[in-house]
C-alpha atoms as a PDB file:
ATOM      1  CA  MET A   1     125.273 149.690  48.489  1.00  0.00           C
ATOM      2  CA  ASP A   2     127.023 146.325  48.372  1.00  0.00           C
ATOM      3  CA  GLN A   3     125.323 145.573  45.056  1.00  0.00           C
ATOM      4  CA  LEU A   4     126.589 148.716  43.331  1.00  0.00           C
ATOM      5  CA  GLY A   5     129.642 148.990  41.112  1.00  0.00           C
ATOM      6  CA  PRO A   6     132.390 151.567  41.803  1.00  0.00           C
ATOM      7  CA  ARG A   7     130.957 154.306  39.570  1.00  0.00           C
ATOM      8  CA  ALA A   8     127.407 154.049  40.861  1.00  0.00           C
ATOM      9  CA  ARG A   9     128.592 153.912  44.465  1.00  0.00           C
ATOM     10  CA  LYS A  10     130.611 157.122  44.247  1.00  0.00           C
ATOM     11  CA  CYS A  11     128.393 159.217  41.980  1.00  0.00           C
ATOM     12  CA  VAL A  12     126.423 161.768  43.995  1.00  0.00           C
ATOM     13  CA  TYR A  13     125.543 164.128  41.163  1.00  0.00           C
ATOM     14  CA  TRP A  14     121.818 163.758  41.800  1.00  0.00           C
ATOM     15  CA  GLN A  15     122.186 163.861  45.568  1.00  0.00           C
ATOM     16  CA  THR A  16     123.744 167.353  45.502  1.00  0.00           C
ATOM     17  CA  ASP A  17     122.166 170.610  44.396  1.00  0.00           C
ATOM     18  CA  GLY A  18     125.103 171.985  42.439  1.00  0.00           C
ATOM     19  CA  GLN A  19     125.641 174.943  44.761  1.00  0.00           C
ATOM     20  CA  ALA A  20     129.057 176.045  45.993  1.00  0.00           C
ATOM     21  CA  GLY A  21     130.371 173.746  48.680  1.00  0.00           C
ATOM     22  CA  HIS A  22     128.104 170.872  47.657  1.00  0.00           C
ATOM     23  CA  ASP A  23     129.747 169.640  44.443  1.00  0.00           C
ATOM     24  CA  ALA A  24     132.368 167.380  45.991  1.00  0.00           C
ATOM     25  CA  PRO A  25     131.293 165.710  49.246  1.00  0.00           C
ATOM     26  CA  ALA A  26     134.153 164.542  51.433  1.00  0.00           C
ATOM     27  CA  ASP A  27     132.683 161.034  51.512  1.00  0.00           C
ATOM     28  CA  PRO A  28     130.524 160.450  48.416  1.00  0.00           C
ATOM     29  CA  GLU A  29     129.809 156.818  49.293  1.00  0.00           C
ATOM     30  CA  PHE A  30     128.388 157.878  52.652  1.00  0.00           C
ATOM     31  CA  GLU A  31     126.264 160.552  50.941  1.00  0.00           C
ATOM     32  CA  LYS A  32     124.943 158.025  48.426  1.00  0.00           C
ATOM     33  CA  GLU A  33     124.139 155.438  51.080  1.00  0.00           C
ATOM     34  CA  ALA A  34     122.391 158.030  53.248  1.00  0.00           C
ATOM     35  CA  TRP A  35     120.232 159.111  50.298  1.00  0.00           C
ATOM     36  CA  ILE A  36     119.293 155.533  49.367  1.00  0.00           C
ATOM     37  CA  SER A  37     118.436 154.762  52.985  1.00  0.00           C
ATOM     38  CA  HIS A  38     116.293 157.894  53.374  1.00  0.00           C
ATOM     39  CA  VAL A  39     114.341 157.407  50.150  1.00  0.00           C
ATOM     40  CA  SER A  40     113.887 153.677  50.758  1.00  0.00           C
ATOM     41  CA  LEU A  41     112.434 154.298  54.214  1.00  0.00           C
ATOM     42  CA  GLU A  42     110.198 157.199  53.171  1.00  0.00           C
ATOM     43  CA  TRP A  43     109.088 156.079  49.717  1.00  0.00           C
ATOM     44  CA  GLY A  44     110.275 152.572  48.861  1.00  0.00           C
ATOM     45  CA  VAL A  45     112.687 150.915  46.427  1.00  0.00           C
ATOM     46  CA  CYS A  46     114.637 153.633  44.583  1.00  0.00           C
ATOM     47  CA  GLY A  47     117.246 151.770  42.567  1.00  0.00           C
ATOM     48  CA  GLN A  48     117.838 148.862  40.202  1.00  0.00           C
ATOM     49  CA  VAL A  49     121.066 147.071  39.348  1.00  0.00           C
ATOM     50  CA  ALA A  50     122.027 145.066  36.262  1.00  0.00           C
ATOM     51  CA  ARG A  51     124.450 142.233  36.867  1.00  0.00           C
ATOM     52  CA  TYR A  52     126.637 140.137  34.591  1.00  0.00           C
ATOM     53  CA  GLY A  53     127.864 137.063  36.407  1.00  0.00           C
ATOM     54  CA  ASP A  54     128.972 138.160  39.851  1.00  0.00           C
ATOM     55  CA  ARG A  55     129.527 141.846  39.115  1.00  0.00           C
ATOM     56  CA  SER A  56     127.364 144.915  38.743  1.00  0.00           C
ATOM     57  CA  THR A  57     127.356 146.375  35.247  1.00  0.00           C
ATOM     58  CA  ALA A  58     124.853 149.245  35.463  1.00  0.00           C
ATOM     59  CA  ALA A  59     122.556 150.992  37.904  1.00  0.00           C
ATOM     60  CA  ALA A  60     119.599 153.350  37.797  1.00  0.00           C
ATOM     61  CA  PHE A  61     118.014 155.392  40.566  1.00  0.00           C
ATOM     62  CA  TYR A  62     114.596 157.011  40.756  1.00  0.00           C
ATOM     63  CA  ALA A  63     112.479 158.898  43.267  1.00  0.00           C
ATOM     64  CA  PRO A  64     109.869 161.637  43.577  1.00  0.00           C
ATOM     65  CA  PRO A  65     111.525 164.852  42.350  1.00  0.00           C
ATOM     66  CA  GLY A  66     111.166 166.439  45.790  1.00  0.00           C
ATOM     67  CA  MET A  67     113.623 163.846  47.127  1.00  0.00           C
ATOM     68  CA  VAL A  68     116.241 164.574  44.449  1.00  0.00           C
ATOM     69  CA  PRO A  69     118.268 167.761  45.173  1.00  0.00           C
ATOM     70  CA  ARG A  70     119.481 168.107  41.569  1.00  0.00           C
ATOM     71  CA  ALA A  71     115.929 167.969  40.156  1.00  0.00           C
ATOM     72  CA  ALA A  72     115.334 171.714  40.414  1.00  0.00           C
ATOM     73  CA  CYS A  73     118.641 172.686  38.766  1.00  0.00           C
ATOM     74  CA  PHE A  74     117.832 171.881  35.140  1.00  0.00           C
ATOM     75  CA  PRO A  75     116.640 174.539  32.691  1.00  0.00           C
ATOM     76  CA  THR A  76     113.609 172.378  31.864  1.00  0.00           C
ATOM     77  CA  SER A  77     112.518 171.840  35.481  1.00  0.00           C
ATOM     78  CA  PRO A  78     110.138 171.146  37.123  1.00  0.00           C
ATOM     79  CA  VAL A  79     109.208 167.498  36.678  1.00  0.00           C
ATOM     80  CA  GLY A  80     105.503 166.728  36.195  1.00  0.00           C
ATOM     81  CA  ALA A  81     103.566 166.408  39.430  1.00  0.00           C
ATOM     82  CA  ASP A  82     102.426 162.869  38.611  1.00  0.00           C
ATOM     83  CA  ALA A  83     105.841 161.543  37.587  1.00  0.00           C
ATOM     84  CA  THR A  84     108.774 159.838  39.251  1.00  0.00           C
ATOM     85  CA  LEU A  85     112.181 161.208  38.255  1.00  0.00           C
ATOM     86  CA  LEU A  86     114.842 158.972  36.750  1.00  0.00           C
ATOM     87  CA  ALA A  87     117.676 160.279  38.905  1.00  0.00           C
ATOM     88  CA  GLY A  88     120.822 158.863  37.400  1.00  0.00           C
ATOM     89  CA  MET A  89     121.872 155.974  35.168  1.00  0.00           C
ATOM     90  CA  SER A  90     125.450 154.779  35.121  1.00  0.00           C
ATOM     91  CA  VAL A  91     127.280 151.958  33.401  1.00  0.00           C
ATOM     92  CA  GLU A  92     130.409 150.347  34.807  1.00  0.00           C
ATOM     93  CA  HIS A  93     133.656 149.943  32.900  1.00  0.00           C
ATOM     94  CA  GLY A  94     133.578 146.877  30.661  1.00  0.00           C
ATOM     95  CA  ALA A  95     129.812 146.369  30.929  1.00  0.00           C
ATOM     96  CA  PRO A  96     128.250 144.289  28.125  1.00  0.00           C
ATOM     97  CA  ALA A  97     125.944 145.840  25.560  1.00  0.00           C
ATOM     98  CA  GLY A  98     122.374 146.107  26.776  1.00  0.00           C
ATOM     99  CA  SER A  99     123.156 146.759  30.438  1.00  0.00           C
ATOM    100  CA  LEU A 100     121.427 150.148  30.547  1.00  0.00           C
ATOM    101  CA  THR A 101     118.409 148.773  28.718  1.00  0.00           C
ATOM    102  CA  SER A 102     118.152 145.928  31.211  1.00  0.00           C
ATOM    103  CA  VAL A 103     118.285 148.203  34.228  1.00  0.00           C
ATOM    104  CA  LEU A 104     115.796 150.677  32.737  1.00  0.00           C
ATOM    105  CA  ASP A 105     113.433 147.773  32.054  1.00  0.00           C
ATOM    106  CA  ALA A 106     113.641 146.830  35.741  1.00  0.00           C
ATOM    107  CA  VAL A 107     112.780 150.412  36.731  1.00  0.00           C
ATOM    108  CA  VAL A 108     109.689 150.426  34.520  1.00  0.00           C
ATOM    109  CA  VAL A 109     108.515 147.036  35.805  1.00  0.00           C
ATOM    110  CA  ASP A 110     108.874 148.156  39.431  1.00  0.00           C
ATOM    111  CA  LEU A 111     107.106 151.490  38.985  1.00  0.00           C
ATOM    112  CA  ARG A 112     104.289 149.973  36.960  1.00  0.00           C
ATOM    113  CA  SER A 113     103.692 147.406  39.707  1.00  0.00           C
ATOM    114  CA  ARG A 114     103.388 150.263  42.212  1.00  0.00           C
ATOM    115  CA  GLY A 115     100.758 152.086  40.167  1.00  0.00           C
ATOM    116  CA  ILE A 116     102.980 155.042  39.274  1.00  0.00           C
ATOM    117  CA  LYS A 117     101.731 156.831  36.165  1.00  0.00           C
ATOM    118  CA  ALA A 118     104.884 158.122  34.516  1.00  0.00           C
ATOM    119  CA  ILE A 119     108.648 158.475  34.539  1.00  0.00           C
ATOM    120  CA  GLU A 120     110.368 161.694  33.556  1.00  0.00           C
ATOM    121  CA  ALA A 121     114.053 162.191  32.855  1.00  0.00           C
ATOM    122  CA  PHE A 122     116.390 165.007  31.932  1.00  0.00           C
ATOM    123  CA  GLY A 123     118.308 164.062  28.824  1.00  0.00           C
ATOM    124  CA  VAL A 124     121.593 165.412  27.566  1.00  0.00           C
ATOM    125  CA  THR A 125     122.329 166.217  23.926  1.00  0.00           C
ATOM    126  CA  SER A 126     125.994 167.205  24.239  1.00  0.00           C
ATOM    127  CA  GLU A 127     129.181 165.492  25.338  1.00  0.00           C
ATOM    128  CA  ASP A 128     130.049 168.632  27.314  1.00  0.00           C
ATOM    129  CA  PRO A 129     127.021 169.980  29.232  1.00  0.00           C
ATOM    130  CA  GLY A 130     129.082 172.838  30.666  1.00  0.00           C
ATOM    131  CA  SER A 131     130.065 173.968  34.140  1.00  0.00           C
ATOM    132  CA  VAL A 132     126.515 174.711  35.291  1.00  0.00           C
ATOM    133  CA  MET A 133     125.534 171.093  34.761  1.00  0.00           C
ATOM    134  CA  SER A 134     128.792 169.658  36.061  1.00  0.00           C
ATOM    135  CA  ARG A 135     128.835 165.888  36.284  1.00  0.00           C
ATOM    136  CA  ASP A 136     130.524 166.038  39.652  1.00  0.00           C
ATOM    137  CA  SER A 137     132.716 162.948  40.158  1.00  0.00           C
ATOM    138  CA  CYS A 138     130.965 160.769  37.578  1.00  0.00           C
ATOM    139  CA  GLY A 139     133.995 160.485  35.335  1.00  0.00           C
ATOM    140  CA  ALA A 140     134.110 160.617  31.556  1.00  0.00           C
ATOM    141  CA  ASP A 141     130.578 159.345  31.022  1.00  0.00           C
ATOM    142  CA  SER A 142     127.554 161.245  32.251  1.00  0.00           C
ATOM    143  CA  CYS A 143     125.014 159.779  34.660  1.00  0.00           C
ATOM    144  CA  VAL A 144     122.474 161.890  32.777  1.00  0.00           C
ATOM    145  CA  ALA A 145     120.993 159.653  30.080  1.00  0.00           C
ATOM    146  CA  SER A 146     121.352 160.825  26.499  1.00  0.00           C
ATOM    147  CA  ARG A 147     118.300 162.172  24.699  1.00  0.00           C
ATOM    148  CA  SER A 148     118.721 159.586  21.954  1.00  0.00           C
ATOM    149  CA  PHE A 149     118.842 156.669  24.419  1.00  0.00           C
ATOM    150  CA  LEU A 150     115.653 157.792  26.124  1.00  0.00           C
ATOM    151  CA  ILE A 151     113.793 158.285  22.847  1.00  0.00           C
ATOM    152  CA  GLU A 152     114.910 154.868  21.610  1.00  0.00           C
ATOM    153  CA  HIS A 153     113.330 153.417  24.748  1.00  0.00           C
ATOM    154  CA  GLY A 154     109.929 155.029  24.364  1.00  0.00           C
ATOM    155  CA  PHE A 155     110.330 158.433  26.030  1.00  0.00           C
ATOM    156  CA  THR A 156     109.009 161.541  24.320  1.00  0.00           C
ATOM    157  CA  VAL A 157     110.246 165.119  24.702  1.00  0.00           C
ATOM    158  CA  VAL A 158     107.876 167.255  26.791  1.00  0.00           C
ATOM    159  CA  ALA A 159     110.186 170.263  27.262  1.00  0.00           C
ATOM    160  CA  GLU A 160     112.691 170.887  24.486  1.00  0.00           C
ATOM    161  CA  HIS A 161     116.088 172.429  25.224  1.00  0.00           C
ATOM    162  CA  GLU A 162     119.383 172.762  23.360  1.00  0.00           C
ATOM    163  CA  THR A 163     121.350 170.631  25.819  1.00  0.00           C
ATOM    164  CA  HIS A 164     118.968 169.364  28.545  1.00  0.00           C
ATOM    165  CA  PRO A 165     115.474 168.472  27.316  1.00  0.00           C
ATOM    166  CA  ARG A 166     112.992 166.853  29.682  1.00  0.00           C
ATOM    167  CA  LEU A 167     111.420 163.608  28.509  1.00  0.00           C
ATOM    168  CA  ARG A 168     108.526 161.475  29.700  1.00  0.00           C
ATOM    169  CA  LEU A 169     107.382 157.864  29.532  1.00  0.00           C
ATOM    170  CA  ASP A 170     103.747 157.198  30.426  1.00  0.00           C
ATOM    171  CA  ILE A 171     103.742 153.745  31.987  1.00  0.00           C
ATOM    172  CA  ASP A 172     100.066 153.484  32.888  1.00  0.00           C
ATOM    173  CA  SER A 173      99.037 153.637  29.238  1.00  0.00           C
ATOM    174  CA  GLU A 174      98.981 150.924  26.595  1.00  0.00           C
ATOM    175  CA  HIS A 175     102.549 151.831  25.683  1.00  0.00           C
ATOM    176  CA  LEU A 176     104.345 148.852  24.203  1.00  0.00           C
ATOM    177  CA  TRP A 177     107.397 149.117  26.445  1.00  0.00           C
ATOM    178  CA  LYS A 178     108.682 145.631  25.705  1.00  0.00           C
ATOM    179  CA  ALA A 179     108.493 146.270  21.977  1.00  0.00           C
ATOM    180  CA  ASP A 180     110.549 149.433  22.370  1.00  0.00           C
ATOM    181  CA  VAL A 181     113.160 147.554  24.399  1.00  0.00           C
ATOM    182  CA  GLU A 182     113.340 144.737  21.862  1.00  0.00           C
ATOM    183  CA  ARG A 183     113.727 147.200  18.991  1.00  0.00           C
ATOM    184  CA  ALA A 184     116.471 149.135  20.771  1.00  0.00           C
ATOM    185  CA  LEU A 185     118.378 145.940  21.559  1.00  0.00           C
ATOM    186  CA  ASP A 186     118.027 144.595  18.022  1.00  0.00           C
ATOM    187  CA  GLN A 187     119.431 147.839  16.645  1.00  0.00           C
ATOM    188  CA  LEU A 188     122.274 147.848  19.165  1.00  0.00           C
ATOM    189  CA  PHE A 189     123.353 144.302  18.396  1.00  0.00           C
ATOM    190  CA  ALA A 190     122.963 144.744  14.632  1.00  0.00           C
ATOM    191  CA  GLU A 191     125.340 147.719  14.775  1.00  0.00           C
ATOM    192  CA  ARG A 192     127.905 145.473  16.470  1.00  0.00           C
ATOM    193  CA  GLY A 193     127.558 142.666  13.959  1.00  0.00           C
ATOM    194  CA  PHE A 194     125.712 140.160  16.185  1.00  0.00           C
ATOM    195  CA  ALA A 195     122.961 138.107  14.584  1.00  0.00           C
ATOM    196  CA  THR A 196     121.318 137.351  17.911  1.00  0.00           C
ATOM    197  CA  ARG A 197     121.478 138.767  21.424  1.00  0.00           C
ATOM    198  CA  ARG A 198     121.886 136.923  24.685  1.00  0.00           C
ATOM    199  CA  LEU A 199     120.815 138.937  27.671  1.00  0.00           C
ATOM    200  CA  GLY A 200     119.495 136.197  29.905  1.00  0.00           C
ATOM    201  CA  VAL A 201     122.330 136.809  32.340  1.00  0.00           C
ATOM    202  CA  LEU A 202     121.296 140.413  32.856  1.00  0.00           C
ATOM    203  CA  SER A 203     118.718 141.089  35.524  1.00  0.00           C
ATOM    204  CA  GLY A 204     117.438 144.014  37.544  1.00  0.00           C
ATOM    205  CA  ALA A 205     117.752 143.858  41.320  1.00  0.00           C
ATOM    206  CA  SER A 206     116.725 146.339  43.952  1.00  0.00           C
ATOM    207  CA  ALA A 207     119.576 148.460  45.247  1.00  0.00           C
ATOM    208  CA  ARG A 208     119.058 148.872  48.959  1.00  0.00           C
ATOM    209  CA  ALA A 209     121.131 150.417  51.691  1.00  0.00           C
ATOM    210  CA  ARG A 210     122.735 148.182  54.271  1.00  0.00           C
ATOM    211  CA  GLY A 211     120.384 147.508  57.155  1.00  0.00           C
END
């Protein structure tokens, strides 16, 4: 928890099931820490953090879908039986370009090293996903990754939907993950007028609960 930025620490969208009385926990930081602790003990590392200097800039969480209360609430549920669910990606205010790419890269590297076959994620295609898919206390930006971001980083749509498609990245295949990351970063920096990109200061780090 100490490694997380303010947004990631307080966002419990994925740790709630969206039912009445569960949308706004009295102490979201406690809820988030309890979830991280439980998943870490039962399954292993469940989060990665991108840092810029001495501050957190982005975070991503992931776990078996059965450990993620929100997983069953999407219109394109359920997640594939062989996949780990990407359960939330958030970027902190003022984060440099490439932060989400860096943290997603760290997720892929960790899961591949553990022999996990695939990652699935629910994407969002609209700025306003509606009351059913409320973003809880996440703020203006959703912790549900956009469909376009996921596709740019190698995911493919396995269950199409108007607002919440489900996407998949097979990480045990010969998928050229690094090439997809490089291409996405090159496009991002070209759009912002940079000739080169410098992301050496960004690194993924396991997000663990306090012991």
